[in-house]
C-alpha atoms as a PDB file:
ATOM      1  CA  VAL A   1     -16.088 -10.246   4.000  1.00  0.00           C
ATOM      2  CA  MET A   2     -17.757  -6.957   3.237  1.00  0.00           C
ATOM      3  CA  GLY A   3     -20.031  -6.133   0.347  1.00  0.00           C
ATOM      4  CA  GLY A   4     -19.882  -9.492  -1.349  1.00  0.00           C
ATOM      5  CA  ASN A   5     -21.054 -13.067  -1.257  1.00  0.00           C
ATOM      6  CA  PRO A   6     -18.094 -15.273  -2.173  1.00  0.00           C
ATOM      7  CA  ALA A   7     -19.858 -18.487  -1.123  1.00  0.00           C
ATOM      8  CA  GLU A   8     -22.369 -17.880  -3.914  1.00  0.00           C
ATOM      9  CA  ASN A   9     -20.298 -15.957  -6.457  1.00  0.00           C
ATOM     10  CA  HIS A  10     -16.907 -17.697  -6.121  1.00  0.00           C
ATOM     11  CA  PRO A  11     -17.597 -21.173  -4.717  1.00  0.00           C
ATOM     12  CA  VAL A  12     -14.285 -22.665  -5.920  1.00  0.00           C
ATOM     13  CA  GLY A  13     -12.227 -19.965  -4.210  1.00  0.00           C
ATOM     14  CA  PHE A  14     -14.461 -19.953  -1.141  1.00  0.00           C
ATOM     15  CA  ARG A  15     -13.496 -23.535  -0.374  1.00  0.00           C
ATOM     16  CA  PHE A  16     -10.100 -22.200   0.749  1.00  0.00           C
ATOM     17  CA  VAL A  17     -11.862 -19.977   3.275  1.00  0.00           C
ATOM     18  CA  MET A  18     -13.788 -22.959   4.606  1.00  0.00           C
ATOM     19  CA  GLU A  19     -10.591 -25.028   4.709  1.00  0.00           C
ATOM     20  CA  ALA A  20      -8.876 -22.277   6.739  1.00  0.00           C
ATOM     21  CA  LYS A  21     -11.820 -22.281   9.161  1.00  0.00           C
ATOM     22  CA  ARG A  22     -11.603 -26.039   9.644  1.00  0.00           C
ATOM     23  CA  LYS A  23      -7.853 -26.628   9.676  1.00  0.00           C
ATOM     24  CA  ARG A  24      -6.406 -23.364  11.009  1.00  0.00           C
ATOM     25  CA  LYS A  25      -9.257 -22.135  13.206  1.00  0.00           C
ATOM     26  CA  ALA A  26      -9.629 -18.968  11.081  1.00  0.00           C
ATOM     27  CA  LYS A  27     -12.577 -16.717  11.898  1.00  0.00           C
ATOM     28  CA  LEU A  28     -14.943 -15.532   9.187  1.00  0.00           C
ATOM     29  CA  VAL A  29     -16.633 -12.194   9.786  1.00  0.00           C
ATOM     30  CA  VAL A  30     -19.317 -10.912   7.405  1.00  0.00           C
ATOM     31  CA  VAL A  31     -20.386  -7.262   7.387  1.00  0.00           C
ATOM     32  CA  ASP A  32     -23.278  -6.775   4.997  1.00  0.00           C
ATOM     33  CA  PRO A  33     -26.844  -5.478   5.055  1.00  0.00           C
ATOM     34  CA  ARG A  34     -28.085  -8.776   3.577  1.00  0.00           C
ATOM     35  CA  PHE A  35     -27.940 -12.189   5.217  1.00  0.00           C
ATOM     36  CA  ASN A  36     -26.541 -14.427   2.504  1.00  0.00           C
ATOM     37  CA  ARG A  37     -24.867 -17.797   2.045  1.00  0.00           C
ATOM     38  CA  THR A  38     -21.516 -16.495   3.225  1.00  0.00           C
ATOM     39  CA  ALA A  39     -23.101 -15.028   6.352  1.00  0.00           C
ATOM     40  CA  ALA A  40     -24.763 -18.379   7.028  1.00  0.00           C
ATOM     41  CA  VAL A  41     -21.364 -20.037   7.607  1.00  0.00           C
ATOM     42  CA  ALA A  42     -19.683 -17.029   9.246  1.00  0.00           C
ATOM     43  CA  ASP A  43     -18.494 -16.996  12.836  1.00  0.00           C
ATOM     44  CA  SER A  44     -19.838 -13.479  13.125  1.00  0.00           C
ATOM     45  CA  TYR A  45     -22.456 -11.748  11.000  1.00  0.00           C
ATOM     46  CA  THR A  46     -22.769  -7.999  11.477  1.00  0.00           C
ATOM     47  CA  PRO A  47     -25.642  -6.427   9.582  1.00  0.00           C
ATOM     48  CA  MET A  48     -25.418  -2.737   8.832  1.00  0.00           C
ATOM     49  CA  ARG A  49     -27.603  -0.219   7.116  1.00  0.00           C
ATOM     50  CA  SER A  50     -26.937   0.510   3.463  1.00  0.00           C
ATOM     51  CA  GLY A  51     -24.773   3.582   3.004  1.00  0.00           C
ATOM     52  CA  THR A  52     -22.916   3.254   6.305  1.00  0.00           C
ATOM     53  CA  ASP A  53     -20.006   1.227   4.942  1.00  0.00           C
ATOM     54  CA  MET A  54     -17.572   4.169   4.721  1.00  0.00           C
ATOM     55  CA  ALA A  55     -18.265   5.133   8.338  1.00  0.00           C
ATOM     56  CA  PHE A  56     -17.666   1.513   9.385  1.00  0.00           C
ATOM     57  CA  LEU A  57     -14.369   1.349   7.489  1.00  0.00           C
ATOM     58  CA  GLY A  58     -13.327   4.648   9.057  1.00  0.00           C
ATOM     59  CA  VAL A  59     -13.825   3.129  12.497  1.00  0.00           C
ATOM     60  CA  VAL A  60     -11.812   0.035  11.527  1.00  0.00           C
ATOM     61  CA  ILE A  61      -8.941   2.205  10.244  1.00  0.00           C
ATOM     62  CA  HIS A  62      -9.064   4.412  13.347  1.00  0.00           C
ATOM     63  CA  HIS A  63      -8.914   1.348  15.611  1.00  0.00           C
ATOM     64  CA  ALA A  64      -5.971  -0.112  13.661  1.00  0.00           C
ATOM     65  CA  ILE A  65      -4.036   3.169  13.939  1.00  0.00           C
ATOM     66  CA  ASP A  66      -4.806   3.659  17.643  1.00  0.00           C
ATOM     67  CA  LYS A  67      -3.796   0.110  18.580  1.00  0.00           C
ATOM     68  CA  LYS A  68      -0.816  -0.015  16.154  1.00  0.00           C
ATOM     69  CA  LEU A  69      -2.348  -3.038  14.378  1.00  0.00           C
ATOM     70  CA  TYR A  70      -0.598  -2.412  11.082  1.00  0.00           C
ATOM     71  CA  HIS A  71       2.801  -3.097   9.547  1.00  0.00           C
ATOM     72  CA  GLU A  72       4.584   0.217  10.076  1.00  0.00           C
ATOM     73  CA  ASP A  73       7.318  -0.331   7.438  1.00  0.00           C
ATOM     74  CA  TYR A  74       4.719  -1.130   4.787  1.00  0.00           C
ATOM     75  CA  VAL A  75       2.495   1.858   5.559  1.00  0.00           C
END
């Protein structure tokens, strides 16, 4: 989750995230400058400075391309 707080803003939909954590061992990662309700239940909370989100996403995309962590036919 990045740039949002679904636990607070979309509680009905967020229950599916919590169900996936419990039943399927899904990991919830929150990247946000603010510690919020979603971050409180996350497996990993990564705070970042405001305005650095595009640099962070660039690193994520670069990592996915380098490690071939994408569906090549789709891209």
